[in-house]
PDB file of N, CA and C in Angstrom:
ATOM      1  N   MET A   1      -7.038  10.531 -20.763  1.00  0.00           N
ATOM      2  CA  MET A   1      -6.244  10.158 -19.611  1.00  0.00           C
ATOM      3  C   MET A   1      -6.819  10.738 -18.331  1.00  0.00           C
ATOM      4  N   ALA A   2      -7.376  11.911 -18.425  1.00  0.00           N
ATOM      5  CA  ALA A   2      -7.937  12.544 -17.231  1.00  0.00           C
ATOM      6  C   ALA A   2      -9.101  11.733 -16.675  1.00  0.00           C
ATOM      7  N   TYR A   3      -9.876  11.100 -17.568  1.00  0.00           N
ATOM      8  CA  TYR A   3     -10.998  10.299 -17.097  1.00  0.00           C
ATOM      9  C   TYR A   3     -10.521   9.098 -16.285  1.00  0.00           C
ATOM     10  N   LEU A   4      -9.435   8.497 -16.725  1.00  0.00           N
ATOM     11  CA  LEU A   4      -8.879   7.372 -15.993  1.00  0.00           C
ATOM     12  C   LEU A   4      -8.412   7.817 -14.611  1.00  0.00           C
ATOM     13  N   GLU A   5      -7.721   8.933 -14.536  1.00  0.00           N
ATOM     14  CA  GLU A   5      -7.239   9.428 -13.256  1.00  0.00           C
ATOM     15  C   GLU A   5      -8.396   9.786 -12.334  1.00  0.00           C
ATOM     16  N   GLU A   6      -9.430  10.422 -12.890  1.00  0.00           N
ATOM     17  CA  GLU A   6     -10.595  10.773 -12.080  1.00  0.00           C
ATOM     18  C   GLU A   6     -11.314   9.526 -11.594  1.00  0.00           C
ATOM     19  N   GLY A   7     -11.420   8.530 -12.463  1.00  0.00           N
ATOM     20  CA  GLY A   7     -12.084   7.292 -12.078  1.00  0.00           C
ATOM     21  C   GLY A   7     -11.352   6.568 -10.966  1.00  0.00           C
ATOM     22  N   ILE A   8     -10.044   6.525 -11.057  1.00  0.00           N
ATOM     23  CA  ILE A   8      -9.250   5.871 -10.013  1.00  0.00           C
ATOM     24  C   ILE A   8      -9.359   6.649  -8.712  1.00  0.00           C
ATOM     25  N   PHE A   9      -9.356   7.971  -8.781  1.00  0.00           N
ATOM     26  CA  PHE A   9      -9.487   8.782  -7.579  1.00  0.00           C
ATOM     27  C   PHE A   9     -10.858   8.597  -6.936  1.00  0.00           C
ATOM     28  N   VAL A  10     -11.904   8.562  -7.741  1.00  0.00           N
ATOM     29  CA  VAL A  10     -13.256   8.358  -7.216  1.00  0.00           C
ATOM     30  C   VAL A  10     -13.372   6.969  -6.582  1.00  0.00           C
ATOM     31  N   ALA A  11     -12.771   5.967  -7.209  1.00  0.00           N
ATOM     32  CA  ALA A  11     -12.790   4.619  -6.632  1.00  0.00           C
ATOM     33  C   ALA A  11     -12.063   4.600  -5.294  1.00  0.00           C
ATOM     34  N   TYR A  12     -10.928   5.299  -5.210  1.00  0.00           N
ATOM     35  CA  TYR A  12     -10.204   5.351  -3.935  1.00  0.00           C
ATOM     36  C   TYR A  12     -11.041   6.057  -2.870  1.00  0.00           C
ATOM     37  N   LEU A  13     -11.696   7.138  -3.237  1.00  0.00           N
ATOM     38  CA  LEU A  13     -12.558   7.821  -2.277  1.00  0.00           C
ATOM     39  C   LEU A  13     -13.698   6.928  -1.815  1.00  0.00           C
ATOM     40  N   ALA A  14     -14.284   6.181  -2.732  1.00  0.00           N
ATOM     41  CA  ALA A  14     -15.388   5.288  -2.367  1.00  0.00           C
ATOM     42  C   ALA A  14     -14.913   4.215  -1.380  1.00  0.00           C
ATOM     43  N   PHE A  15     -13.757   3.610  -1.656  1.00  0.00           N
ATOM     44  CA  PHE A  15     -13.228   2.613  -0.728  1.00  0.00           C
ATOM     45  C   PHE A  15     -12.882   3.251   0.611  1.00  0.00           C
ATOM     46  N   SER A  16     -12.338   4.456   0.599  1.00  0.00           N
ATOM     47  CA  SER A  16     -11.989   5.140   1.839  1.00  0.00           C
ATOM     48  C   SER A  16     -13.225   5.417   2.675  1.00  0.00           C
ATOM     49  N   ILE A  17     -14.279   5.881   2.038  1.00  0.00           N
ATOM     50  CA  ILE A  17     -15.530   6.142   2.756  1.00  0.00           C
ATOM     51  C   ILE A  17     -16.108   4.847   3.309  1.00  0.00           C
ATOM     52  N   PHE A  18     -16.051   3.779   2.507  1.00  0.00           N
ATOM     53  CA  PHE A  18     -16.532   2.477   2.973  1.00  0.00           C
ATOM     54  C   PHE A  18     -15.787   2.039   4.233  1.00  0.00           C
ATOM     55  N   PHE A  19     -14.456   2.137   4.216  1.00  0.00           N
ATOM     56  CA  PHE A  19     -13.673   1.722   5.378  1.00  0.00           C
ATOM     57  C   PHE A  19     -13.895   2.662   6.559  1.00  0.00           C
ATOM     58  N   LEU A  20     -14.079   3.950   6.297  1.00  0.00           N
ATOM     59  CA  LEU A  20     -14.354   4.894   7.381  1.00  0.00           C
ATOM     60  C   LEU A  20     -15.679   4.574   8.060  1.00  0.00           C
ATOM     61  N   VAL A  21     -16.684   4.279   7.285  1.00  0.00           N
ATOM     62  CA  VAL A  21     -17.985   3.917   7.854  1.00  0.00           C
ATOM     63  C   VAL A  21     -17.870   2.627   8.663  1.00  0.00           C
ATOM     64  N   ALA A  22     -17.144   1.652   8.132  1.00  0.00           N
ATOM     65  CA  ALA A  22     -16.948   0.403   8.874  1.00  0.00           C
ATOM     66  C   ALA A  22     -16.221   0.663  10.191  1.00  0.00           C
ATOM     67  N   TYR A  23     -15.252   1.565  10.173  1.00  0.00           N
ATOM     68  CA  TYR A  23     -14.530   1.901  11.408  1.00  0.00           C
ATOM     69  C   TYR A  23     -15.443   2.615  12.396  1.00  0.00           C
ATOM     70  N   LYS A  24     -16.224   3.570  11.908  1.00  0.00           N
ATOM     71  CA  LYS A  24     -17.117   4.326  12.791  1.00  0.00           C
ATOM     72  C   LYS A  24     -18.213   3.444  13.379  1.00  0.00           C
ATOM     73  N   LEU A  25     -18.622   2.413  12.671  1.00  0.00           N
ATOM     74  CA  LEU A  25     -19.638   1.487  13.175  1.00  0.00           C
ATOM     75  C   LEU A  25     -19.025   0.356  14.001  1.00  0.00           C
ATOM     76  N   ASP A  26     -17.738   0.473  14.315  1.00  0.00           N
ATOM     77  CA  ASP A  26     -16.996  -0.510  15.110  1.00  0.00           C
ATOM     78  C   ASP A  26     -16.989  -1.895  14.483  1.00  0.00           C
ATOM     79  N   GLN A  27     -16.944  -1.941  13.166  1.00  0.00           N
ATOM     80  CA  GLN A  27     -16.844  -3.220  12.477  1.00  0.00           C
ATOM     81  C   GLN A  27     -15.381  -3.637  12.287  1.00  0.00           C
ATOM     82  N   ILE A  28     -14.479  -2.646  12.249  1.00  0.00           N
ATOM     83  CA  ILE A  28     -13.051  -2.923  12.138  1.00  0.00           C
ATOM     84  C   ILE A  28     -12.311  -2.040  13.136  1.00  0.00           C
ATOM     85  N   SER A  29     -11.116  -2.450  13.514  1.00  0.00           N
ATOM     86  CA  SER A  29     -10.312  -1.669  14.449  1.00  0.00           C
ATOM     87  C   SER A  29      -9.593  -0.530  13.715  1.00  0.00           C
ATOM     88  N   PHE A  30      -8.975   0.340  14.489  1.00  0.00           N
ATOM     89  CA  PHE A  30      -8.245   1.460  13.889  1.00  0.00           C
ATOM     90  C   PHE A  30      -7.062   0.962  13.066  1.00  0.00           C
ATOM     91  N   VAL A  31      -6.380  -0.052  13.564  1.00  0.00           N
ATOM     92  CA  VAL A  31      -5.239  -0.607  12.829  1.00  0.00           C
ATOM     93  C   VAL A  31      -5.712  -1.200  11.501  1.00  0.00           C
ATOM     94  N   ALA A  32      -6.821  -1.926  11.528  1.00  0.00           N
ATOM     95  CA  ALA A  32      -7.367  -2.492  10.299  1.00  0.00           C
ATOM     96  C   ALA A  32      -7.802  -1.382   9.348  1.00  0.00           C
ATOM     97  N   PHE A  33      -8.320  -0.291   9.888  1.00  0.00           N
ATOM     98  CA  PHE A  33      -8.718   0.856   9.083  1.00  0.00           C
ATOM     99  C   PHE A  33      -7.517   1.451   8.356  1.00  0.00           C
ATOM    100  N   VAL A  34      -6.436   1.676   9.076  1.00  0.00           N
ATOM    101  CA  VAL A  34      -5.230   2.258   8.484  1.00  0.00           C
ATOM    102  C   VAL A  34      -4.620   1.302   7.460  1.00  0.00           C
ATOM    103  N   VAL A  35      -4.545   0.029   7.804  1.00  0.00           N
ATOM    104  CA  VAL A  35      -3.994  -0.959   6.872  1.00  0.00           C
ATOM    105  C   VAL A  35      -4.852  -1.029   5.613  1.00  0.00           C
ATOM    106  N   SER A  36      -6.161  -0.976   5.769  1.00  0.00           N
ATOM    107  CA  SER A  36      -7.062  -1.018   4.614  1.00  0.00           C
ATOM    108  C   SER A  36      -6.845   0.178   3.698  1.00  0.00           C
ATOM    109  N   LEU A  37      -6.669   1.356   4.278  1.00  0.00           N
ATOM    110  CA  LEU A  37      -6.427   2.547   3.456  1.00  0.00           C
ATOM    111  C   LEU A  37      -5.095   2.450   2.713  1.00  0.00           C
ATOM    112  N   VAL A  38      -4.076   1.970   3.386  1.00  0.00           N
ATOM    113  CA  VAL A  38      -2.764   1.850   2.752  1.00  0.00           C
ATOM    114  C   VAL A  38      -2.799   0.812   1.629  1.00  0.00           C
ATOM    115  N   VAL A  39      -3.400  -0.333   1.887  1.00  0.00           N
ATOM    116  CA  VAL A  39      -3.475  -1.376   0.870  1.00  0.00           C
ATOM    117  C   VAL A  39      -4.315  -0.903  -0.317  1.00  0.00           C
ATOM    118  N   THR A  40      -5.411  -0.213  -0.032  1.00  0.00           N
ATOM    119  CA  THR A  40      -6.246   0.311  -1.117  1.00  0.00           C
ATOM    120  C   THR A  40      -5.464   1.308  -1.963  1.00  0.00           C
ATOM    121  N   ALA A  41      -4.700   2.177  -1.331  1.00  0.00           N
ATOM    122  CA  ALA A  41      -3.897   3.148  -2.080  1.00  0.00           C
ATOM    123  C   ALA A  41      -2.857   2.438  -2.944  1.00  0.00           C
ATOM    124  N   LEU A  42      -2.228   1.410  -2.409  1.00  0.00           N
ATOM    125  CA  LEU A  42      -1.220   0.678  -3.174  1.00  0.00           C
ATOM    126  C   LEU A  42      -1.842  -0.062  -4.360  1.00  0.00           C
ATOM    127  N   VAL A  43      -3.001  -0.657  -4.158  1.00  0.00           N
ATOM    128  CA  VAL A  43      -3.663  -1.374  -5.252  1.00  0.00           C
ATOM    129  C   VAL A  43      -4.086  -0.404  -6.350  1.00  0.00           C
ATOM    130  N   HIS A  44      -4.625   0.746  -5.955  1.00  0.00           N
ATOM    131  CA  HIS A  44      -5.020   1.726  -6.963  1.00  0.00           C
ATOM    132  C   HIS A  44      -3.808   2.276  -7.710  1.00  0.00           C
ATOM    133  N   ALA A  45      -2.709   2.492  -7.015  1.00  0.00           N
ATOM    134  CA  ALA A  45      -1.495   2.976  -7.676  1.00  0.00           C
ATOM    135  C   ALA A  45      -0.951   1.921  -8.634  1.00  0.00           C
ATOM    136  N   ALA A  46      -0.962   0.665  -8.213  1.00  0.00           N
ATOM    137  CA  ALA A  46      -0.487  -0.410  -9.088  1.00  0.00           C
ATOM    138  C   ALA A  46      -1.372  -0.525 -10.328  1.00  0.00           C
ATOM    139  N   PHE A  47      -2.678  -0.426 -10.139  1.00  0.00           N
ATOM    140  CA  PHE A  47      -3.594  -0.488 -11.275  1.00  0.00           C
ATOM    141  C   PHE A  47      -3.314   0.651 -12.245  1.00  0.00           C
ATOM    142  N   TYR A  48      -3.129   1.852 -11.710  1.00  0.00           N
ATOM    143  CA  TYR A  48      -2.855   3.025 -12.540  1.00  0.00           C
ATOM    144  C   TYR A  48      -1.562   2.836 -13.341  1.00  0.00           C
ATOM    145  N   LEU A  49      -0.522   2.358 -12.681  1.00  0.00           N
ATOM    146  CA  LEU A  49       0.757   2.160 -13.366  1.00  0.00           C
ATOM    147  C   LEU A  49       0.674   1.054 -14.412  1.00  0.00           C
ATOM    148  N   LEU A  50      -0.048  -0.019 -14.108  1.00  0.00           N
ATOM    149  CA  LEU A  50      -0.204  -1.094 -15.089  1.00  0.00           C
ATOM    150  C   LEU A  50      -1.000  -0.628 -16.308  1.00  0.00           C
ATOM    151  N   VAL A  51      -2.019   0.172 -16.083  1.00  0.00           N
ATOM    152  CA  VAL A  51      -2.798   0.695 -17.211  1.00  0.00           C
ATOM    153  C   VAL A  51      -1.932   1.618 -18.054  1.00  0.00           C
ATOM    154  N   LEU A  52      -1.139   2.461 -17.413  1.00  0.00           N
ATOM    155  CA  LEU A  52      -0.255   3.346 -18.172  1.00  0.00           C
ATOM    156  C   LEU A  52       0.748   2.564 -19.010  1.00  0.00           C
ATOM    157  N   LYS A  53       1.241   1.463 -18.454  1.00  0.00           N
ATOM    158  CA  LYS A  53       2.287   0.716 -19.139  1.00  0.00           C
ATOM    159  C   LYS A  53       1.735  -0.178 -20.246  1.00  0.00           C
ATOM    160  N   TYR A  54       0.607  -0.832 -20.013  1.00  0.00           N
ATOM    161  CA  TYR A  54       0.156  -1.870 -20.930  1.00  0.00           C
ATOM    162  C   TYR A  54      -1.065  -1.516 -21.768  1.00  0.00           C
ATOM    163  N   TRP A  55      -1.733  -0.411 -21.479  1.00  0.00           N
ATOM    164  CA  TRP A  55      -2.905  -0.057 -22.263  1.00  0.00           C
ATOM    165  C   TRP A  55      -2.447   0.765 -23.475  1.00  0.00           C
ATOM    166  N   PRO A  56      -2.654   0.274 -24.675  1.00  0.00           N
ATOM    167  CA  PRO A  56      -2.080   0.953 -25.860  1.00  0.00           C
ATOM    168  C   PRO A  56      -2.740   2.284 -26.201  1.00  0.00           C
ATOM    169  N   ILE A  57      -3.909   2.552 -25.651  1.00  0.00           N
ATOM    170  CA  ILE A  57      -4.610   3.804 -25.992  1.00  0.00           C
ATOM    171  C   ILE A  57      -3.845   5.019 -25.485  1.00  0.00           C
ATOM    172  N   PHE A  58      -3.256   4.899 -24.326  1.00  0.00           N
ATOM    173  CA  PHE A  58      -2.577   6.042 -23.712  1.00  0.00           C
ATOM    174  C   PHE A  58      -1.129   6.019 -24.099  1.00  0.00           C
TER     175      PHE A  58
END
């Protein structure tokens, strides 16, 4: 279970860094940056909860 949690956290960090770089390079606005982080967090949380509920290994 710890590997799944670490993997999801690393994926969230990777997406966060990607969006931060896009923001710093003026590819997206600050509002788009914040919305992207929030949506990414929600998607990762939903994925985590769905895996906990429906994956029979855990």
